[in-house]
Protein backbone atom coordinates (compact mmCIF):
# COMPACT_ATOMS: atom_id res chain seq x y z
CA MET A 1 0.00 0.00 0.00
CA VAL A 2 1.28 3.48 0.74
CA ARG A 3 4.51 3.28 2.72
CA ASP A 4 4.24 6.67 4.42
CA SER A 5 0.63 6.38 5.52
CA PRO A 6 0.32 3.74 8.26
CA ILE A 7 -2.86 5.39 9.49
CA LEU A 8 -4.66 5.16 6.15
CA THR A 9 -3.40 1.61 5.63
CA GLY A 10 -4.40 0.62 9.17
CA VAL A 11 -7.90 2.05 8.75
CA LEU A 12 -8.28 0.12 5.49
CA ILE A 13 -7.06 -3.11 7.13
CA GLY A 14 -9.45 -2.62 10.05
CA VAL A 15 -12.49 -1.86 7.89
CA LEU A 16 -11.81 -4.78 5.53
CA ALA A 17 -11.39 -7.13 8.49
CA ASP A 18 -14.62 -5.74 9.92
CA ALA A 19 -16.43 -6.71 6.71
CA VAL A 20 -15.35 -10.30 7.31
CA LYS A 21 -16.48 -10.12 10.96
CA LEU A 22 -19.85 -8.73 9.92
CA GLY A 23 -20.22 -11.46 7.30
CA VAL A 24 -19.73 -14.14 9.95
CA ASN A 25 -22.23 -12.39 12.22
CA TYR A 26 -24.78 -12.14 9.42
CA LEU A 27 -24.32 -15.81 8.55
CA GLY A 28 -24.96 -16.71 12.21
CA TYR A 29 -28.07 -14.50 12.10
CA ILE A 30 -29.38 -16.11 8.89
CA LEU A 31 -28.76 -19.59 10.28
CA GLY A 32 -30.61 -18.73 13.49
CA PHE A 33 -27.66 -18.94 15.90
CA THR A 34 -28.16 -15.33 17.00
CA ASP A 35 -31.11 -12.97 17.14
CA VAL A 36 -29.14 -9.76 16.76
CA LEU A 37 -26.78 -8.21 14.28
CA PHE A 38 -23.45 -6.89 15.44
CA TRP A 39 -24.40 -3.28 14.73
CA GLN A 40 -27.32 -3.64 17.16
CA ILE A 41 -24.91 -4.89 19.80
CA VAL A 42 -22.65 -1.89 19.25
CA ALA A 43 -25.64 0.48 19.40
CA THR A 44 -26.51 -0.72 22.93
CA ASN A 45 -23.85 1.62 24.26
CA ILE A 46 -25.57 4.62 22.65
CA LEU A 47 -29.30 3.95 22.32
CA PRO A 48 -32.07 2.97 24.72
CA GLU A 49 -33.43 -0.55 24.39
CA GLN A 50 -36.63 0.43 22.54
CA TYR A 51 -34.65 1.70 19.52
CA LEU A 52 -32.28 -1.24 19.06
CA PHE A 53 -34.43 -3.00 16.45
CA THR A 54 -34.88 0.05 14.22
CA PRO A 55 -33.04 1.03 11.04
CA SER A 56 -31.57 4.02 12.88
CA ALA A 57 -29.93 1.64 15.38
CA LEU A 58 -28.26 -0.20 12.51
CA LEU A 59 -26.99 3.07 11.06
CA ILE A 60 -25.73 4.35 14.41
CA GLY A 61 -24.16 0.98 15.19
CA ALA A 62 -22.54 0.89 11.74
CA ILE A 63 -20.95 4.30 12.20
CA ALA A 64 -19.66 3.39 15.66
CA ASP A 65 -18.43 -0.05 14.57
CA LEU A 66 -16.62 1.20 11.48
CA THR A 67 -15.00 3.98 13.48
CA VAL A 68 -13.77 1.58 16.14
CA THR A 69 -12.56 -1.06 13.67
CA GLY A 70 -10.69 1.56 11.65
CA PHE A 71 -8.94 2.62 14.85
CA LEU A 72 -8.27 -1.02 15.76
CA GLY A 73 -6.72 -1.54 12.34
CA VAL A 74 -4.32 1.34 13.02
CA LEU A 75 -3.48 -0.08 16.46
CA PHE A 76 -2.88 -3.51 14.95
CA LEU A 77 -0.65 -2.11 12.23
CA TYR A 78 1.46 -0.21 14.76
CA PHE A 79 1.65 -3.38 16.86
CA ILE A 80 2.95 -5.25 13.81
CA LYS A 81 5.41 -2.46 13.00
CA LEU A 82 6.71 -2.78 16.57
CA THR A 83 6.85 -6.59 16.77
CA GLY A 84 7.37 -7.68 13.16
CA LEU A 85 5.49 -9.93 10.76
CA ASP A 86 6.45 -13.27 12.30
CA PHE A 87 3.49 -15.20 13.77
CA LEU A 88 1.15 -12.74 12.05
CA PHE A 89 -1.93 -14.97 12.25
CA LEU A 90 -1.38 -15.72 15.92
CA LYS A 91 -0.97 -12.01 16.60
CA GLY A 92 -4.15 -11.26 14.64
CA VAL A 93 -6.23 -13.82 16.51
CA GLY A 94 -4.77 -12.79 19.87
CA PHE A 95 -5.44 -9.13 19.16
CA ALA A 96 -9.03 -9.86 18.10
CA MET A 97 -9.74 -11.99 21.16
CA LEU A 98 -8.39 -9.24 23.42
CA VAL A 99 -10.77 -6.86 21.66
CA TRP A 100 -13.65 -9.29 22.18
CA VAL A 101 -12.90 -9.69 25.88
CA GLY A 102 -12.01 -6.04 26.40
CA LEU A 103 -14.84 -4.37 24.54
CA LEU A 104 -17.69 -6.85 24.51
CA GLY A 105 -16.85 -8.61 27.75
CA SER A 106 -15.79 -5.69 29.90
CA VAL A 107 -16.73 -2.29 28.50
CA LEU A 108 -20.03 -3.10 26.79
CA GLY A 109 -20.90 -6.32 28.61
CA ARG A 110 -23.40 -5.00 31.13
CA SER A 111 -25.06 -2.65 28.66
CA ILE A 112 -25.47 -5.44 26.13
CA GLU A 113 -26.82 -7.93 28.65
CA ALA A 114 -29.32 -5.42 30.05
CA LYS A 115 -30.66 -4.37 26.65
CA LEU A 116 -30.08 -7.38 24.36
CA PRO A 117 -29.80 -10.55 26.42
CA GLN A 118 -28.44 -13.36 24.29
CA ASN A 119 -28.32 -17.10 24.55
CA PRO A 120 -24.96 -18.90 24.52
CA SER A 121 -25.13 -19.55 20.78
CA GLY A 122 -25.47 -15.81 20.13
CA ILE A 123 -22.41 -15.12 22.24
CA PHE A 124 -20.55 -17.91 20.47
CA VAL A 125 -21.32 -16.16 17.15
CA THR A 126 -19.55 -13.05 18.45
CA ILE A 127 -16.54 -15.17 19.43
CA VAL A 128 -16.35 -16.81 16.01
CA ALA A 129 -16.85 -13.43 14.32
CA HIS A 130 -13.93 -11.99 16.29
CA LEU A 131 -11.75 -14.99 15.44
CA ALA A 132 -12.56 -14.29 11.78
CA PHE A 133 -11.74 -10.61 12.39
CA GLY A 134 -8.32 -11.57 13.73
CA ILE A 135 -7.57 -13.87 10.81
CA ALA A 136 -8.74 -11.17 8.41
CA LEU A 137 -6.50 -8.60 10.14
CA ALA A 138 -3.55 -10.89 9.46
CA VAL A 139 -4.56 -11.59 5.85
CA PHE A 140 -5.15 -7.95 4.94
CA THR A 141 -1.98 -6.88 6.76
CA SER A 142 0.02 -9.41 4.77
CA PHE A 143 -1.39 -7.95 1.54
CA LEU A 144 -1.36 -4.25 2.36
CA TYR A 145 1.49 -3.63 4.79
CA GLN A 146 4.93 -3.04 3.34
CA PRO A 147 7.55 -2.69 6.07
CA GLU A 148 10.00 0.13 5.60
CA GLU A 149 13.35 -1.18 4.48
CA THR A 150 16.33 0.13 6.43
């Protein structure tokens, strides 16, 4: 990609990886493993419960999710710049699982549970979606990140 723009490259990596995560979530929704879409989950931090099944909740959740995943892509790219490309897939999965535990488990956990209680299969969908996010971070980083040669 562009060597002198790690922020732009990181945002692109994060948003592309997010598309994969959202695809896994939507597949789980279509197959009946979860009753909510990821953007509704994200919107629980912003909207009252009565609005979470409206189109505006999806739009608000989309904006929040894409903003956060763009930022996470930048963080991941700087992490890779610091630690190198070895074990890239392990780093991607580890990073994504830390995000899942940190954001969904800790920061948003109570808000989500109070407004959108889920069964274990719905929570499992978020785990699998974040695993896919981590793998996608690694894949897109391997394609788009060009380390500076010294």
